[in-house]
């Protein structure tokens, strides 16, 4: 299986691929861009992911869903709804999955509302990541292993939901790491360690 690193941001996704021939590379999407909008949506019988979905937000805001990494595994609460509708001003219809008290999105397809669990939508993103990395590497990988960067506030329920989403997208998450830790790790790698020297480094998440 191919191994990828995924920065699953609120607005954008960035993918890094490990290749034996030339090490670690940032994966370019079909538009040869280094980052892809974290959006998925539907219109009629068609599904849209990434750039294609983001480009349709202005015309069909109720059919395109963003902020998936903030909704995955989240509890269906008044504070979540206030943030989503009031703070972020999204118009998608959020609904509760009662048995889990988590979030789903209701999307009208041919005038028929269909409830999609966030795991399902994020699974489509992971499948897109797998296909994009395979194309970039010039090989077909039916499955992939991934290390995924997650927000610092993710609890175990959110991490488990993320792993379930990945399975739907033919991805096995071998590790999760939160943003500030990944920055600190990269800083240490770039500086090749500090030897015997004691140094204090402050990492700020702006």
N, C-alpha and C. Protein backbone atom coordinates (compact mmCIF):
# COMPACT_ATOMS: atom_id res chain seq x y z
N UNK A 1 0.85 -1.20 0.00
CA UNK A 1 0.00 0.00 0.00
C UNK A 1 0.88 1.24 0.00
N UNK A 2 0.43 2.29 -0.69
CA UNK A 2 1.16 3.54 -0.66
C UNK A 2 0.96 4.22 0.69
N UNK A 3 1.92 5.06 1.06
CA UNK A 3 1.86 5.78 2.33
C UNK A 3 1.77 7.27 2.01
N UNK A 4 0.78 7.94 2.60
CA UNK A 4 0.62 9.38 2.38
C UNK A 4 0.51 10.09 3.72
N UNK A 5 0.90 11.34 3.71
CA UNK A 5 0.64 12.23 4.83
C UNK A 5 -0.46 13.19 4.42
N UNK A 6 -1.44 13.39 5.28
CA UNK A 6 -2.60 14.21 4.92
C UNK A 6 -2.79 15.32 5.95
N UNK A 7 -2.77 16.56 5.47
CA UNK A 7 -3.14 17.70 6.30
C UNK A 7 -4.60 17.99 6.00
N UNK A 8 -5.48 17.53 6.88
CA UNK A 8 -6.92 17.63 6.67
C UNK A 8 -7.41 18.92 7.32
N UNK A 9 -7.22 20.03 6.62
CA UNK A 9 -7.59 21.32 7.18
C UNK A 9 -9.06 21.62 7.03
N UNK A 10 -9.51 22.68 7.70
CA UNK A 10 -10.92 23.07 7.61
C UNK A 10 -11.29 23.55 6.21
N UNK A 11 -10.36 24.24 5.56
CA UNK A 11 -10.63 24.78 4.22
C UNK A 11 -9.97 23.97 3.12
N UNK A 12 -8.75 23.50 3.37
CA UNK A 12 -8.00 22.83 2.32
C UNK A 12 -7.40 21.51 2.80
N UNK A 13 -7.14 20.64 1.82
CA UNK A 13 -6.45 19.38 2.06
C UNK A 13 -5.10 19.46 1.36
N UNK A 14 -4.05 19.03 2.04
CA UNK A 14 -2.74 18.91 1.41
C UNK A 14 -2.25 17.48 1.61
N UNK A 15 -1.66 16.92 0.57
CA UNK A 15 -1.23 15.52 0.58
C UNK A 15 0.27 15.46 0.31
N UNK A 16 0.97 14.65 1.09
CA UNK A 16 2.38 14.35 0.82
C UNK A 16 2.51 12.86 0.59
N UNK A 17 3.34 12.49 -0.38
CA UNK A 17 3.51 11.08 -0.73
C UNK A 17 4.97 10.68 -0.52
N UNK A 18 5.17 9.47 -0.03
CA UNK A 18 6.51 8.94 0.18
C UNK A 18 6.83 7.99 -0.97
N UNK A 19 7.87 8.33 -1.74
CA UNK A 19 8.29 7.48 -2.85
C UNK A 19 9.74 7.06 -2.64
N UNK A 20 10.02 5.79 -2.91
CA UNK A 20 11.38 5.29 -2.70
C UNK A 20 12.39 6.01 -3.59
N UNK A 21 11.96 6.42 -4.77
CA UNK A 21 12.89 7.00 -5.72
C UNK A 21 13.36 8.40 -5.33
N UNK A 22 12.44 9.22 -4.79
CA UNK A 22 12.83 10.60 -4.50
C UNK A 22 12.25 11.14 -3.20
N UNK A 23 11.95 10.26 -2.25
CA UNK A 23 11.58 10.71 -0.91
C UNK A 23 10.17 11.27 -0.82
N UNK A 24 10.02 12.36 -0.07
CA UNK A 24 8.71 12.93 0.22
C UNK A 24 8.41 14.08 -0.74
N UNK A 25 7.23 14.03 -1.32
CA UNK A 25 6.80 15.07 -2.26
C UNK A 25 5.38 15.51 -1.94
N UNK A 26 5.10 16.79 -2.17
CA UNK A 26 3.73 17.28 -2.08
C UNK A 26 2.99 16.83 -3.34
N UNK A 27 1.84 16.21 -3.15
CA UNK A 27 1.05 15.69 -4.27
C UNK A 27 0.26 16.82 -4.91
N UNK A 28 0.35 16.93 -6.22
CA UNK A 28 -0.43 17.92 -6.96
C UNK A 28 -1.76 17.32 -7.38
N UNK A 29 -2.83 18.13 -7.30
CA UNK A 29 -4.14 17.63 -7.71
C UNK A 29 -4.31 17.73 -9.22
N UNK A 30 -5.52 17.46 -9.71
CA UNK A 30 -5.73 17.45 -11.16
C UNK A 30 -5.58 18.83 -11.79
N UNK A 31 -5.62 19.88 -10.97
CA UNK A 31 -5.37 21.23 -11.47
C UNK A 31 -3.91 21.64 -11.24
N UNK A 32 -3.07 20.67 -10.88
CA UNK A 32 -1.65 20.86 -10.55
C UNK A 32 -1.45 21.86 -9.41
N UNK A 33 -2.39 21.88 -8.48
CA UNK A 33 -2.27 22.72 -7.30
C UNK A 33 -1.84 21.87 -6.11
N UNK A 34 -1.18 22.53 -5.15
CA UNK A 34 -0.66 21.82 -3.99
C UNK A 34 -1.70 21.63 -2.89
N UNK A 35 -2.81 22.33 -2.97
CA UNK A 35 -3.87 22.17 -1.98
C UNK A 35 -5.22 22.09 -2.67
N UNK A 36 -6.13 21.35 -2.05
CA UNK A 36 -7.45 21.09 -2.63
C UNK A 36 -8.52 21.52 -1.63
N UNK A 37 -9.55 22.24 -2.06
CA UNK A 37 -10.62 22.63 -1.13
C UNK A 37 -11.26 21.41 -0.47
N UNK A 38 -11.50 21.51 0.82
CA UNK A 38 -12.11 20.41 1.58
C UNK A 38 -13.63 20.50 1.45
N UNK A 39 -14.12 20.17 0.27
CA UNK A 39 -15.55 20.24 -0.03
C UNK A 39 -15.99 18.97 -0.75
N UNK A 40 -17.23 18.59 -0.50
CA UNK A 40 -17.86 17.50 -1.24
C UNK A 40 -19.33 17.86 -1.41
N UNK A 41 -19.93 17.41 -2.50
CA UNK A 41 -21.34 17.76 -2.71
C UNK A 41 -21.98 16.93 -3.81
N UNK A 42 -23.26 17.19 -4.02
CA UNK A 42 -24.04 16.42 -4.98
C UNK A 42 -24.96 17.37 -5.75
N UNK A 43 -25.22 16.99 -6.98
CA UNK A 43 -26.24 17.68 -7.77
C UNK A 43 -26.81 16.66 -8.75
N UNK A 44 -28.09 16.35 -8.59
CA UNK A 44 -28.68 15.30 -9.41
C UNK A 44 -28.02 13.97 -9.11
N UNK A 45 -27.56 13.28 -10.15
CA UNK A 45 -26.88 12.00 -9.98
C UNK A 45 -25.37 12.14 -9.89
N UNK A 46 -24.88 13.37 -9.90
CA UNK A 46 -23.44 13.60 -9.91
C UNK A 46 -22.92 13.98 -8.53
N UNK A 47 -21.70 13.55 -8.24
CA UNK A 47 -21.02 13.95 -7.01
C UNK A 47 -19.81 14.79 -7.37
N UNK A 48 -19.44 15.70 -6.47
CA UNK A 48 -18.35 16.63 -6.72
C UNK A 48 -17.44 16.67 -5.50
N UNK A 49 -16.14 16.73 -5.74
CA UNK A 49 -15.17 16.73 -4.66
C UNK A 49 -14.10 17.78 -4.95
N UNK A 50 -13.63 18.43 -3.91
CA UNK A 50 -12.51 19.35 -4.05
C UNK A 50 -12.84 20.60 -4.84
N UNK A 51 -11.99 20.91 -5.83
CA UNK A 51 -12.17 22.12 -6.64
C UNK A 51 -13.55 22.16 -7.29
N UNK A 52 -13.99 21.02 -7.82
CA UNK A 52 -15.28 20.98 -8.51
C UNK A 52 -16.42 21.35 -7.57
N UNK A 53 -16.38 20.85 -6.34
CA UNK A 53 -17.43 21.16 -5.36
C UNK A 53 -17.35 22.62 -4.93
N UNK A 54 -16.15 23.10 -4.66
CA UNK A 54 -15.99 24.49 -4.20
C UNK A 54 -16.48 25.48 -5.26
N UNK A 55 -16.24 25.16 -6.53
CA UNK A 55 -16.67 26.05 -7.60
C UNK A 55 -18.19 26.16 -7.72
N UNK A 56 -18.91 25.20 -7.13
CA UNK A 56 -20.37 25.21 -7.21
C UNK A 56 -21.04 25.77 -5.96
N UNK A 57 -20.24 26.13 -4.96
CA UNK A 57 -20.81 26.62 -3.70
C UNK A 57 -21.65 27.87 -3.92
N UNK A 58 -21.18 28.79 -4.75
CA UNK A 58 -21.91 30.03 -4.97
C UNK A 58 -23.29 29.81 -5.57
N UNK A 59 -23.41 28.81 -6.44
CA UNK A 59 -24.69 28.55 -7.12
C UNK A 59 -25.58 27.59 -6.33
N UNK A 60 -24.96 26.63 -5.66
CA UNK A 60 -25.72 25.60 -4.95
C UNK A 60 -25.18 25.40 -3.53
N UNK A 61 -25.28 26.42 -2.68
CA UNK A 61 -24.67 26.34 -1.34
C UNK A 61 -25.25 25.23 -0.47
N UNK A 62 -26.52 24.86 -0.69
CA UNK A 62 -27.14 23.82 0.13
C UNK A 62 -26.70 22.42 -0.27
N UNK A 63 -26.08 22.29 -1.44
CA UNK A 63 -25.72 20.97 -1.95
C UNK A 63 -24.24 20.65 -1.77
N UNK A 64 -23.43 21.65 -1.42
CA UNK A 64 -21.99 21.47 -1.25
C UNK A 64 -21.64 21.64 0.24
N UNK A 65 -20.86 20.73 0.76
CA UNK A 65 -20.59 20.69 2.20
C UNK A 65 -19.10 20.90 2.47
N UNK A 66 -18.80 21.85 3.36
CA UNK A 66 -17.42 22.10 3.77
C UNK A 66 -17.26 21.86 5.26
N UNK A 67 -16.05 22.17 5.76
CA UNK A 67 -15.74 22.04 7.18
C UNK A 67 -15.96 20.61 7.69
N UNK A 68 -15.70 19.61 6.86
CA UNK A 68 -15.96 18.23 7.26
C UNK A 68 -15.12 17.82 8.46
N UNK A 69 -13.88 18.31 8.54
CA UNK A 69 -13.04 17.90 9.67
C UNK A 69 -13.51 18.50 10.99
N UNK A 70 -14.34 19.55 10.93
CA UNK A 70 -14.88 20.13 12.16
C UNK A 70 -16.19 19.45 12.56
N UNK A 71 -16.80 18.72 11.63
CA UNK A 71 -18.08 18.05 11.90
C UNK A 71 -17.92 16.58 12.24
N UNK A 72 -16.81 15.96 11.82
CA UNK A 72 -16.65 14.53 12.01
C UNK A 72 -16.59 14.17 13.50
N UNK A 73 -17.46 13.28 13.92
CA UNK A 73 -17.48 12.82 15.31
C UNK A 73 -17.99 13.84 16.31
N UNK A 74 -18.42 15.01 15.82
CA UNK A 74 -18.88 16.07 16.73
C UNK A 74 -20.27 15.77 17.26
N UNK A 75 -20.53 16.18 18.49
CA UNK A 75 -21.84 16.01 19.09
C UNK A 75 -22.82 17.03 18.50
N UNK A 76 -24.05 16.59 18.30
CA UNK A 76 -25.10 17.47 17.78
C UNK A 76 -25.61 18.31 18.94
N UNK A 77 -25.09 19.52 19.07
CA UNK A 77 -25.42 20.39 20.20
C UNK A 77 -25.80 21.78 19.69
N UNK A 78 -26.43 22.56 20.58
CA UNK A 78 -26.78 23.94 20.22
C UNK A 78 -25.55 24.76 19.89
N UNK A 79 -24.46 24.53 20.62
CA UNK A 79 -23.24 25.31 20.37
C UNK A 79 -22.67 25.01 18.99
N UNK A 80 -22.75 23.74 18.56
CA UNK A 80 -22.28 23.39 17.22
C UNK A 80 -23.14 24.08 16.16
N UNK A 81 -24.45 24.07 16.35
CA UNK A 81 -25.35 24.70 15.39
C UNK A 81 -25.13 26.21 15.34
N UNK A 82 -24.92 26.82 16.51
CA UNK A 82 -24.66 28.26 16.56
C UNK A 82 -23.39 28.61 15.79
N UNK A 83 -22.36 27.78 15.98
CA UNK A 83 -21.09 28.02 15.28
C UNK A 83 -21.26 27.84 13.77
N UNK A 84 -21.96 26.78 13.36
CA UNK A 84 -22.07 26.45 11.94
C UNK A 84 -22.92 27.46 11.18
N UNK A 85 -24.06 27.81 11.77
CA UNK A 85 -24.98 28.72 11.08
C UNK A 85 -24.69 30.19 11.37
N UNK A 86 -24.34 30.49 12.62
CA UNK A 86 -24.11 31.87 13.00
C UNK A 86 -22.70 32.34 12.71
N UNK A 87 -21.72 31.57 13.20
CA UNK A 87 -20.33 31.97 13.01
C UNK A 87 -19.84 31.78 11.59
N UNK A 88 -20.06 30.58 11.03
CA UNK A 88 -19.55 30.27 9.70
C UNK A 88 -20.53 30.61 8.58
N UNK A 89 -21.81 30.78 8.93
CA UNK A 89 -22.86 31.17 7.98
C UNK A 89 -23.07 30.14 6.85
N UNK A 90 -22.91 28.87 7.19
CA UNK A 90 -23.27 27.83 6.23
C UNK A 90 -24.78 27.64 6.20
N UNK A 91 -25.28 27.11 5.09
CA UNK A 91 -26.73 26.93 4.95
C UNK A 91 -27.13 25.46 4.83
N UNK A 92 -26.16 24.54 4.85
CA UNK A 92 -26.51 23.12 4.79
C UNK A 92 -27.39 22.75 5.98
N UNK A 93 -28.28 21.80 5.78
CA UNK A 93 -29.18 21.38 6.85
C UNK A 93 -28.53 20.26 7.66
N UNK A 94 -28.12 20.58 8.88
CA UNK A 94 -27.55 19.57 9.77
C UNK A 94 -28.65 18.85 10.52
N UNK A 95 -28.51 17.54 10.67
CA UNK A 95 -29.47 16.74 11.43
C UNK A 95 -28.71 15.83 12.39
N UNK A 96 -29.44 15.32 13.35
CA UNK A 96 -28.82 14.45 14.35
C UNK A 96 -28.96 12.98 13.95
N UNK A 97 -27.91 12.21 14.23
CA UNK A 97 -28.00 10.75 14.18
C UNK A 97 -28.27 10.31 15.61
N UNK A 98 -29.53 10.01 15.96
CA UNK A 98 -29.93 9.85 17.37
C UNK A 98 -29.14 8.78 18.12
N UNK A 99 -28.88 7.64 17.49
CA UNK A 99 -28.22 6.56 18.21
C UNK A 99 -26.79 6.90 18.61
N UNK A 100 -26.19 7.88 17.93
CA UNK A 100 -24.81 8.27 18.25
C UNK A 100 -24.72 9.71 18.73
N UNK A 101 -25.82 10.46 18.59
CA UNK A 101 -25.86 11.87 18.94
C UNK A 101 -24.83 12.68 18.17
N UNK A 102 -24.51 12.21 16.95
CA UNK A 102 -23.57 12.93 16.10
C UNK A 102 -24.31 13.57 14.93
N UNK A 103 -23.54 14.09 13.97
CA UNK A 103 -24.09 14.98 12.95
C UNK A 103 -24.20 14.29 11.60
N UNK A 104 -25.27 14.59 10.89
CA UNK A 104 -25.42 14.23 9.49
C UNK A 104 -25.84 15.48 8.72
N UNK A 105 -25.71 15.43 7.41
CA UNK A 105 -26.13 16.53 6.55
C UNK A 105 -27.23 16.04 5.63
N UNK A 106 -28.33 16.78 5.58
CA UNK A 106 -29.44 16.44 4.68
C UNK A 106 -29.27 17.21 3.38
N UNK A 107 -29.17 16.46 2.27
CA UNK A 107 -28.96 17.06 0.96
C UNK A 107 -30.06 16.60 0.02
N UNK A 108 -30.68 17.54 -0.66
CA UNK A 108 -31.77 17.21 -1.59
C UNK A 108 -31.18 16.75 -2.92
N UNK A 109 -31.52 15.52 -3.30
CA UNK A 109 -31.11 14.99 -4.60
C UNK A 109 -32.36 14.67 -5.40
N UNK A 110 -32.56 15.37 -6.50
CA UNK A 110 -33.79 15.25 -7.28
C UNK A 110 -35.01 15.50 -6.39
N UNK A 111 -34.90 16.55 -5.56
CA UNK A 111 -35.97 17.00 -4.66
C UNK A 111 -36.24 16.04 -3.50
N UNK A 112 -35.45 14.99 -3.37
CA UNK A 112 -35.62 14.04 -2.27
C UNK A 112 -34.49 14.22 -1.26
N UNK A 113 -34.79 14.65 -0.02
CA UNK A 113 -33.73 14.82 0.98
C UNK A 113 -33.11 13.48 1.37
N UNK A 114 -31.80 13.43 1.35
CA UNK A 114 -31.05 12.23 1.76
C UNK A 114 -30.10 12.63 2.87
N UNK A 115 -30.11 11.85 3.95
CA UNK A 115 -29.25 12.15 5.10
C UNK A 115 -27.91 11.43 4.93
N UNK A 116 -26.83 12.18 4.94
CA UNK A 116 -25.49 11.63 4.82
C UNK A 116 -24.74 11.81 6.14
N UNK A 117 -24.26 10.71 6.69
CA UNK A 117 -23.38 10.81 7.85
C UNK A 117 -22.09 11.49 7.41
N UNK A 118 -21.49 12.25 8.30
CA UNK A 118 -20.24 12.92 7.97
C UNK A 118 -19.16 11.90 7.61
N UNK A 119 -19.19 10.72 8.25
CA UNK A 119 -18.22 9.68 7.92
C UNK A 119 -18.29 9.30 6.45
N UNK A 120 -19.50 9.24 5.91
CA UNK A 120 -19.67 8.90 4.49
C UNK A 120 -19.06 9.96 3.59
N UNK A 121 -19.32 11.23 3.90
CA UNK A 121 -18.80 12.32 3.08
C UNK A 121 -17.28 12.40 3.16
N UNK A 122 -16.75 12.24 4.37
CA UNK A 122 -15.30 12.29 4.52
C UNK A 122 -14.65 11.06 3.90
N UNK A 123 -15.38 9.94 3.89
CA UNK A 123 -14.88 8.75 3.19
C UNK A 123 -14.66 9.03 1.71
N UNK A 124 -15.54 9.82 1.11
CA UNK A 124 -15.37 10.22 -0.29
C UNK A 124 -14.09 11.05 -0.47
N UNK A 125 -13.80 11.89 0.51
CA UNK A 125 -12.57 12.68 0.46
C UNK A 125 -11.35 11.77 0.52
N UNK A 126 -11.37 10.79 1.42
CA UNK A 126 -10.23 9.87 1.53
C UNK A 126 -10.04 9.06 0.25
N UNK A 127 -11.14 8.66 -0.38
CA UNK A 127 -11.02 7.95 -1.66
C UNK A 127 -10.42 8.86 -2.73
N UNK A 128 -10.80 10.13 -2.71
CA UNK A 128 -10.22 11.11 -3.63
C UNK A 128 -8.71 11.24 -3.37
N UNK A 129 -8.33 11.29 -2.10
CA UNK A 129 -6.91 11.39 -1.74
C UNK A 129 -6.15 10.18 -2.27
N UNK A 130 -6.71 8.98 -2.08
CA UNK A 130 -6.06 7.75 -2.56
C UNK A 130 -5.86 7.81 -4.08
N UNK A 131 -6.92 8.17 -4.80
CA UNK A 131 -6.84 8.21 -6.26
C UNK A 131 -5.86 9.28 -6.74
N UNK A 132 -5.86 10.44 -6.09
CA UNK A 132 -4.97 11.53 -6.48
C UNK A 132 -3.51 11.15 -6.25
N UNK A 133 -3.22 10.54 -5.10
CA UNK A 133 -1.85 10.12 -4.81
C UNK A 133 -1.39 9.02 -5.76
N UNK A 134 -2.29 8.09 -6.09
CA UNK A 134 -1.94 7.02 -7.03
C UNK A 134 -1.59 7.58 -8.40
N UNK A 135 -2.39 8.54 -8.86
CA UNK A 135 -2.13 9.15 -10.16
C UNK A 135 -0.81 9.91 -10.15
N UNK A 136 -0.54 10.62 -9.07
CA UNK A 136 0.70 11.39 -8.95
C UNK A 136 1.91 10.46 -8.96
N UNK A 137 1.77 9.31 -8.30
CA UNK A 137 2.88 8.36 -8.20
C UNK A 137 3.01 7.47 -9.44
N UNK A 138 2.03 7.55 -10.34
CA UNK A 138 2.08 6.74 -11.53
C UNK A 138 1.86 5.27 -11.28
N UNK A 139 1.06 4.94 -10.28
CA UNK A 139 0.78 3.55 -9.97
C UNK A 139 -0.63 3.44 -9.40
N UNK A 140 -1.20 2.24 -9.51
CA UNK A 140 -2.54 2.04 -8.96
C UNK A 140 -2.42 1.37 -7.60
N UNK A 141 -2.81 2.09 -6.56
CA UNK A 141 -2.82 1.54 -5.21
C UNK A 141 -4.27 1.40 -4.77
N UNK A 142 -4.73 0.15 -4.63
CA UNK A 142 -6.13 -0.08 -4.24
C UNK A 142 -6.41 0.42 -2.84
N UNK A 143 -5.38 0.41 -1.99
CA UNK A 143 -5.51 0.89 -0.62
C UNK A 143 -4.28 1.72 -0.27
N UNK A 144 -4.42 2.51 0.79
CA UNK A 144 -3.29 3.32 1.21
C UNK A 144 -3.23 3.40 2.73
N UNK A 145 -2.01 3.58 3.24
CA UNK A 145 -1.81 3.90 4.65
C UNK A 145 -1.62 5.41 4.75
N UNK A 146 -2.06 5.98 5.86
CA UNK A 146 -1.98 7.44 5.97
C UNK A 146 -1.67 7.87 7.40
N UNK A 147 -0.88 8.93 7.50
CA UNK A 147 -0.71 9.68 8.74
C UNK A 147 -1.48 10.98 8.54
N UNK A 148 -2.40 11.28 9.45
CA UNK A 148 -3.31 12.41 9.24
C UNK A 148 -3.13 13.45 10.34
N UNK A 149 -2.97 14.70 9.93
CA UNK A 149 -2.91 15.81 10.87
C UNK A 149 -4.34 16.20 11.25
N UNK A 150 -4.60 16.32 12.54
CA UNK A 150 -5.93 16.66 13.03
C UNK A 150 -5.83 17.89 13.94
N UNK A 151 -6.94 18.60 14.14
CA UNK A 151 -6.93 19.74 15.07
C UNK A 151 -6.57 19.30 16.49
N UNK A 152 -5.96 20.18 17.24
CA UNK A 152 -5.48 19.85 18.58
C UNK A 152 -6.60 19.44 19.53
N UNK A 153 -7.84 19.90 19.24
CA UNK A 153 -8.95 19.64 20.16
C UNK A 153 -9.65 18.32 19.89
N UNK A 154 -9.23 17.55 18.91
CA UNK A 154 -9.88 16.27 18.61
C UNK A 154 -9.82 15.34 19.80
N UNK A 155 -10.99 14.80 20.20
CA UNK A 155 -11.00 13.79 21.26
C UNK A 155 -11.01 12.40 20.63
N UNK A 156 -11.08 11.37 21.48
CA UNK A 156 -11.00 10.00 20.97
C UNK A 156 -12.19 9.66 20.08
N UNK A 157 -13.38 10.17 20.41
CA UNK A 157 -14.55 9.90 19.57
C UNK A 157 -14.35 10.45 18.17
N UNK A 158 -13.81 11.65 18.08
CA UNK A 158 -13.58 12.25 16.77
C UNK A 158 -12.50 11.51 16.00
N UNK A 159 -11.47 11.05 16.69
CA UNK A 159 -10.41 10.28 16.02
C UNK A 159 -10.93 8.94 15.52
N UNK A 160 -11.78 8.29 16.32
CA UNK A 160 -12.36 7.01 15.88
C UNK A 160 -13.26 7.22 14.66
N UNK A 161 -14.05 8.28 14.68
CA UNK A 161 -14.92 8.57 13.54
C UNK A 161 -14.09 8.86 12.29
N UNK A 162 -12.97 9.54 12.48
CA UNK A 162 -12.07 9.82 11.36
C UNK A 162 -11.53 8.52 10.76
N UNK A 163 -11.13 7.60 11.62
CA UNK A 163 -10.61 6.31 11.16
C UNK A 163 -11.69 5.51 10.42
N UNK A 164 -12.94 5.59 10.90
CA UNK A 164 -14.04 4.91 10.21
C UNK A 164 -14.26 5.51 8.82
N UNK A 165 -14.16 6.83 8.73
CA UNK A 165 -14.29 7.49 7.43
C UNK A 165 -13.21 7.01 6.48
N UNK A 166 -11.99 6.92 7.00
CA UNK A 166 -10.87 6.52 6.15
C UNK A 166 -11.08 5.12 5.58
N UNK A 167 -11.60 4.21 6.39
CA UNK A 167 -11.85 2.85 5.92
C UNK A 167 -12.80 2.86 4.73
N UNK A 168 -13.82 3.72 4.79
CA UNK A 168 -14.76 3.84 3.67
C UNK A 168 -14.06 4.32 2.41
N UNK A 169 -12.95 5.04 2.58
CA UNK A 169 -12.19 5.55 1.44
C UNK A 169 -10.96 4.73 1.14
N UNK A 170 -10.97 3.43 1.52
CA UNK A 170 -9.85 2.52 1.23
C UNK A 170 -8.53 3.03 1.80
N UNK A 171 -8.62 3.57 3.00
CA UNK A 171 -7.45 4.14 3.67
C UNK A 171 -7.35 3.61 5.08
N UNK A 172 -6.13 3.24 5.47
CA UNK A 172 -5.85 2.80 6.83
C UNK A 172 -5.02 3.87 7.52
N UNK A 173 -5.61 4.52 8.52
CA UNK A 173 -4.87 5.55 9.26
C UNK A 173 -3.94 4.86 10.26
N UNK A 174 -2.65 4.98 10.03
CA UNK A 174 -1.68 4.33 10.92
C UNK A 174 -1.31 5.23 12.09
N UNK A 175 -1.61 6.53 11.95
CA UNK A 175 -1.32 7.46 13.06
C UNK A 175 -2.03 8.78 12.81
N UNK A 176 -2.42 9.44 13.90
CA UNK A 176 -2.88 10.82 13.81
C UNK A 176 -1.93 11.68 14.64
N UNK A 177 -1.76 12.91 14.22
CA UNK A 177 -0.88 13.83 14.92
C UNK A 177 -1.50 15.21 14.83
N UNK A 178 -1.50 15.97 15.93
CA UNK A 178 -2.16 17.27 15.82
C UNK A 178 -1.20 18.33 15.30
N UNK A 179 -1.77 19.43 14.89
CA UNK A 179 -1.07 20.42 14.07
C UNK A 179 0.22 20.92 14.71
N UNK A 180 0.14 21.34 15.96
CA UNK A 180 1.32 21.93 16.60
C UNK A 180 2.43 20.91 16.79
N UNK A 181 2.07 19.66 17.08
CA UNK A 181 3.08 18.62 17.21
C UNK A 181 3.79 18.38 15.88
N UNK A 182 3.03 18.38 14.79
CA UNK A 182 3.63 18.16 13.47
C UNK A 182 4.59 19.30 13.12
N UNK A 183 4.24 20.53 13.50
CA UNK A 183 5.13 21.66 13.24
C UNK A 183 6.42 21.52 14.04
N UNK A 184 6.29 21.14 15.30
CA UNK A 184 7.47 20.94 16.15
C UNK A 184 8.36 19.83 15.61
N UNK A 185 7.74 18.75 15.14
CA UNK A 185 8.50 17.63 14.57
C UNK A 185 9.26 18.07 13.33
N UNK A 186 8.59 18.81 12.45
CA UNK A 186 9.25 19.30 11.24
C UNK A 186 10.40 20.24 11.57
N UNK A 187 10.20 21.08 12.58
CA UNK A 187 11.27 22.00 13.00
C UNK A 187 12.49 21.22 13.47
N UNK A 188 12.25 20.17 14.25
CA UNK A 188 13.35 19.35 14.74
C UNK A 188 14.08 18.64 13.62
N UNK A 189 13.32 18.13 12.63
CA UNK A 189 13.94 17.43 11.50
C UNK A 189 14.79 18.39 10.68
N UNK A 190 14.26 19.58 10.42
CA UNK A 190 15.00 20.55 9.62
C UNK A 190 16.31 20.96 10.29
N UNK A 191 16.29 21.02 11.61
CA UNK A 191 17.48 21.43 12.35
C UNK A 191 18.35 20.25 12.76
N UNK A 192 17.95 19.04 12.34
CA UNK A 192 18.71 17.82 12.61
C UNK A 192 19.03 17.66 14.10
N UNK A 193 18.06 18.01 14.93
CA UNK A 193 18.25 17.87 16.36
C UNK A 193 19.12 19.00 16.90
N UNK A 194 19.32 19.02 18.20
CA UNK A 194 20.06 20.12 18.83
C UNK A 194 21.28 19.63 19.61
N UNK A 195 21.60 18.34 19.46
CA UNK A 195 22.76 17.82 20.17
C UNK A 195 22.61 17.95 21.67
N UNK A 196 23.66 18.42 22.33
CA UNK A 196 23.65 18.58 23.78
C UNK A 196 23.12 19.95 24.20
N UNK A 197 22.83 20.78 23.22
CA UNK A 197 22.39 22.14 23.53
C UNK A 197 20.94 22.15 24.00
N UNK A 198 20.66 22.92 25.05
CA UNK A 198 19.29 23.13 25.51
C UNK A 198 18.72 24.37 24.83
N UNK A 199 17.57 24.18 24.20
CA UNK A 199 16.96 25.30 23.49
C UNK A 199 15.45 25.27 23.72
N UNK A 200 14.87 26.41 24.02
CA UNK A 200 13.42 26.52 24.18
C UNK A 200 12.83 27.09 22.89
N UNK A 201 11.86 26.38 22.34
CA UNK A 201 11.21 26.80 21.11
C UNK A 201 9.71 26.89 21.36
N UNK A 202 9.10 28.00 21.00
CA UNK A 202 7.66 28.19 21.16
C UNK A 202 6.99 28.03 19.80
N UNK A 203 6.00 27.14 19.73
CA UNK A 203 5.22 26.92 18.51
C UNK A 203 3.86 27.58 18.70
N UNK A 204 3.50 28.51 17.81
CA UNK A 204 2.22 29.21 17.89
C UNK A 204 1.29 28.74 16.79
N UNK A 205 0.07 28.37 17.16
CA UNK A 205 -0.97 28.05 16.19
C UNK A 205 -1.85 29.29 16.05
N UNK A 206 -1.69 30.02 14.95
CA UNK A 206 -2.41 31.28 14.76
C UNK A 206 -3.81 31.04 14.20
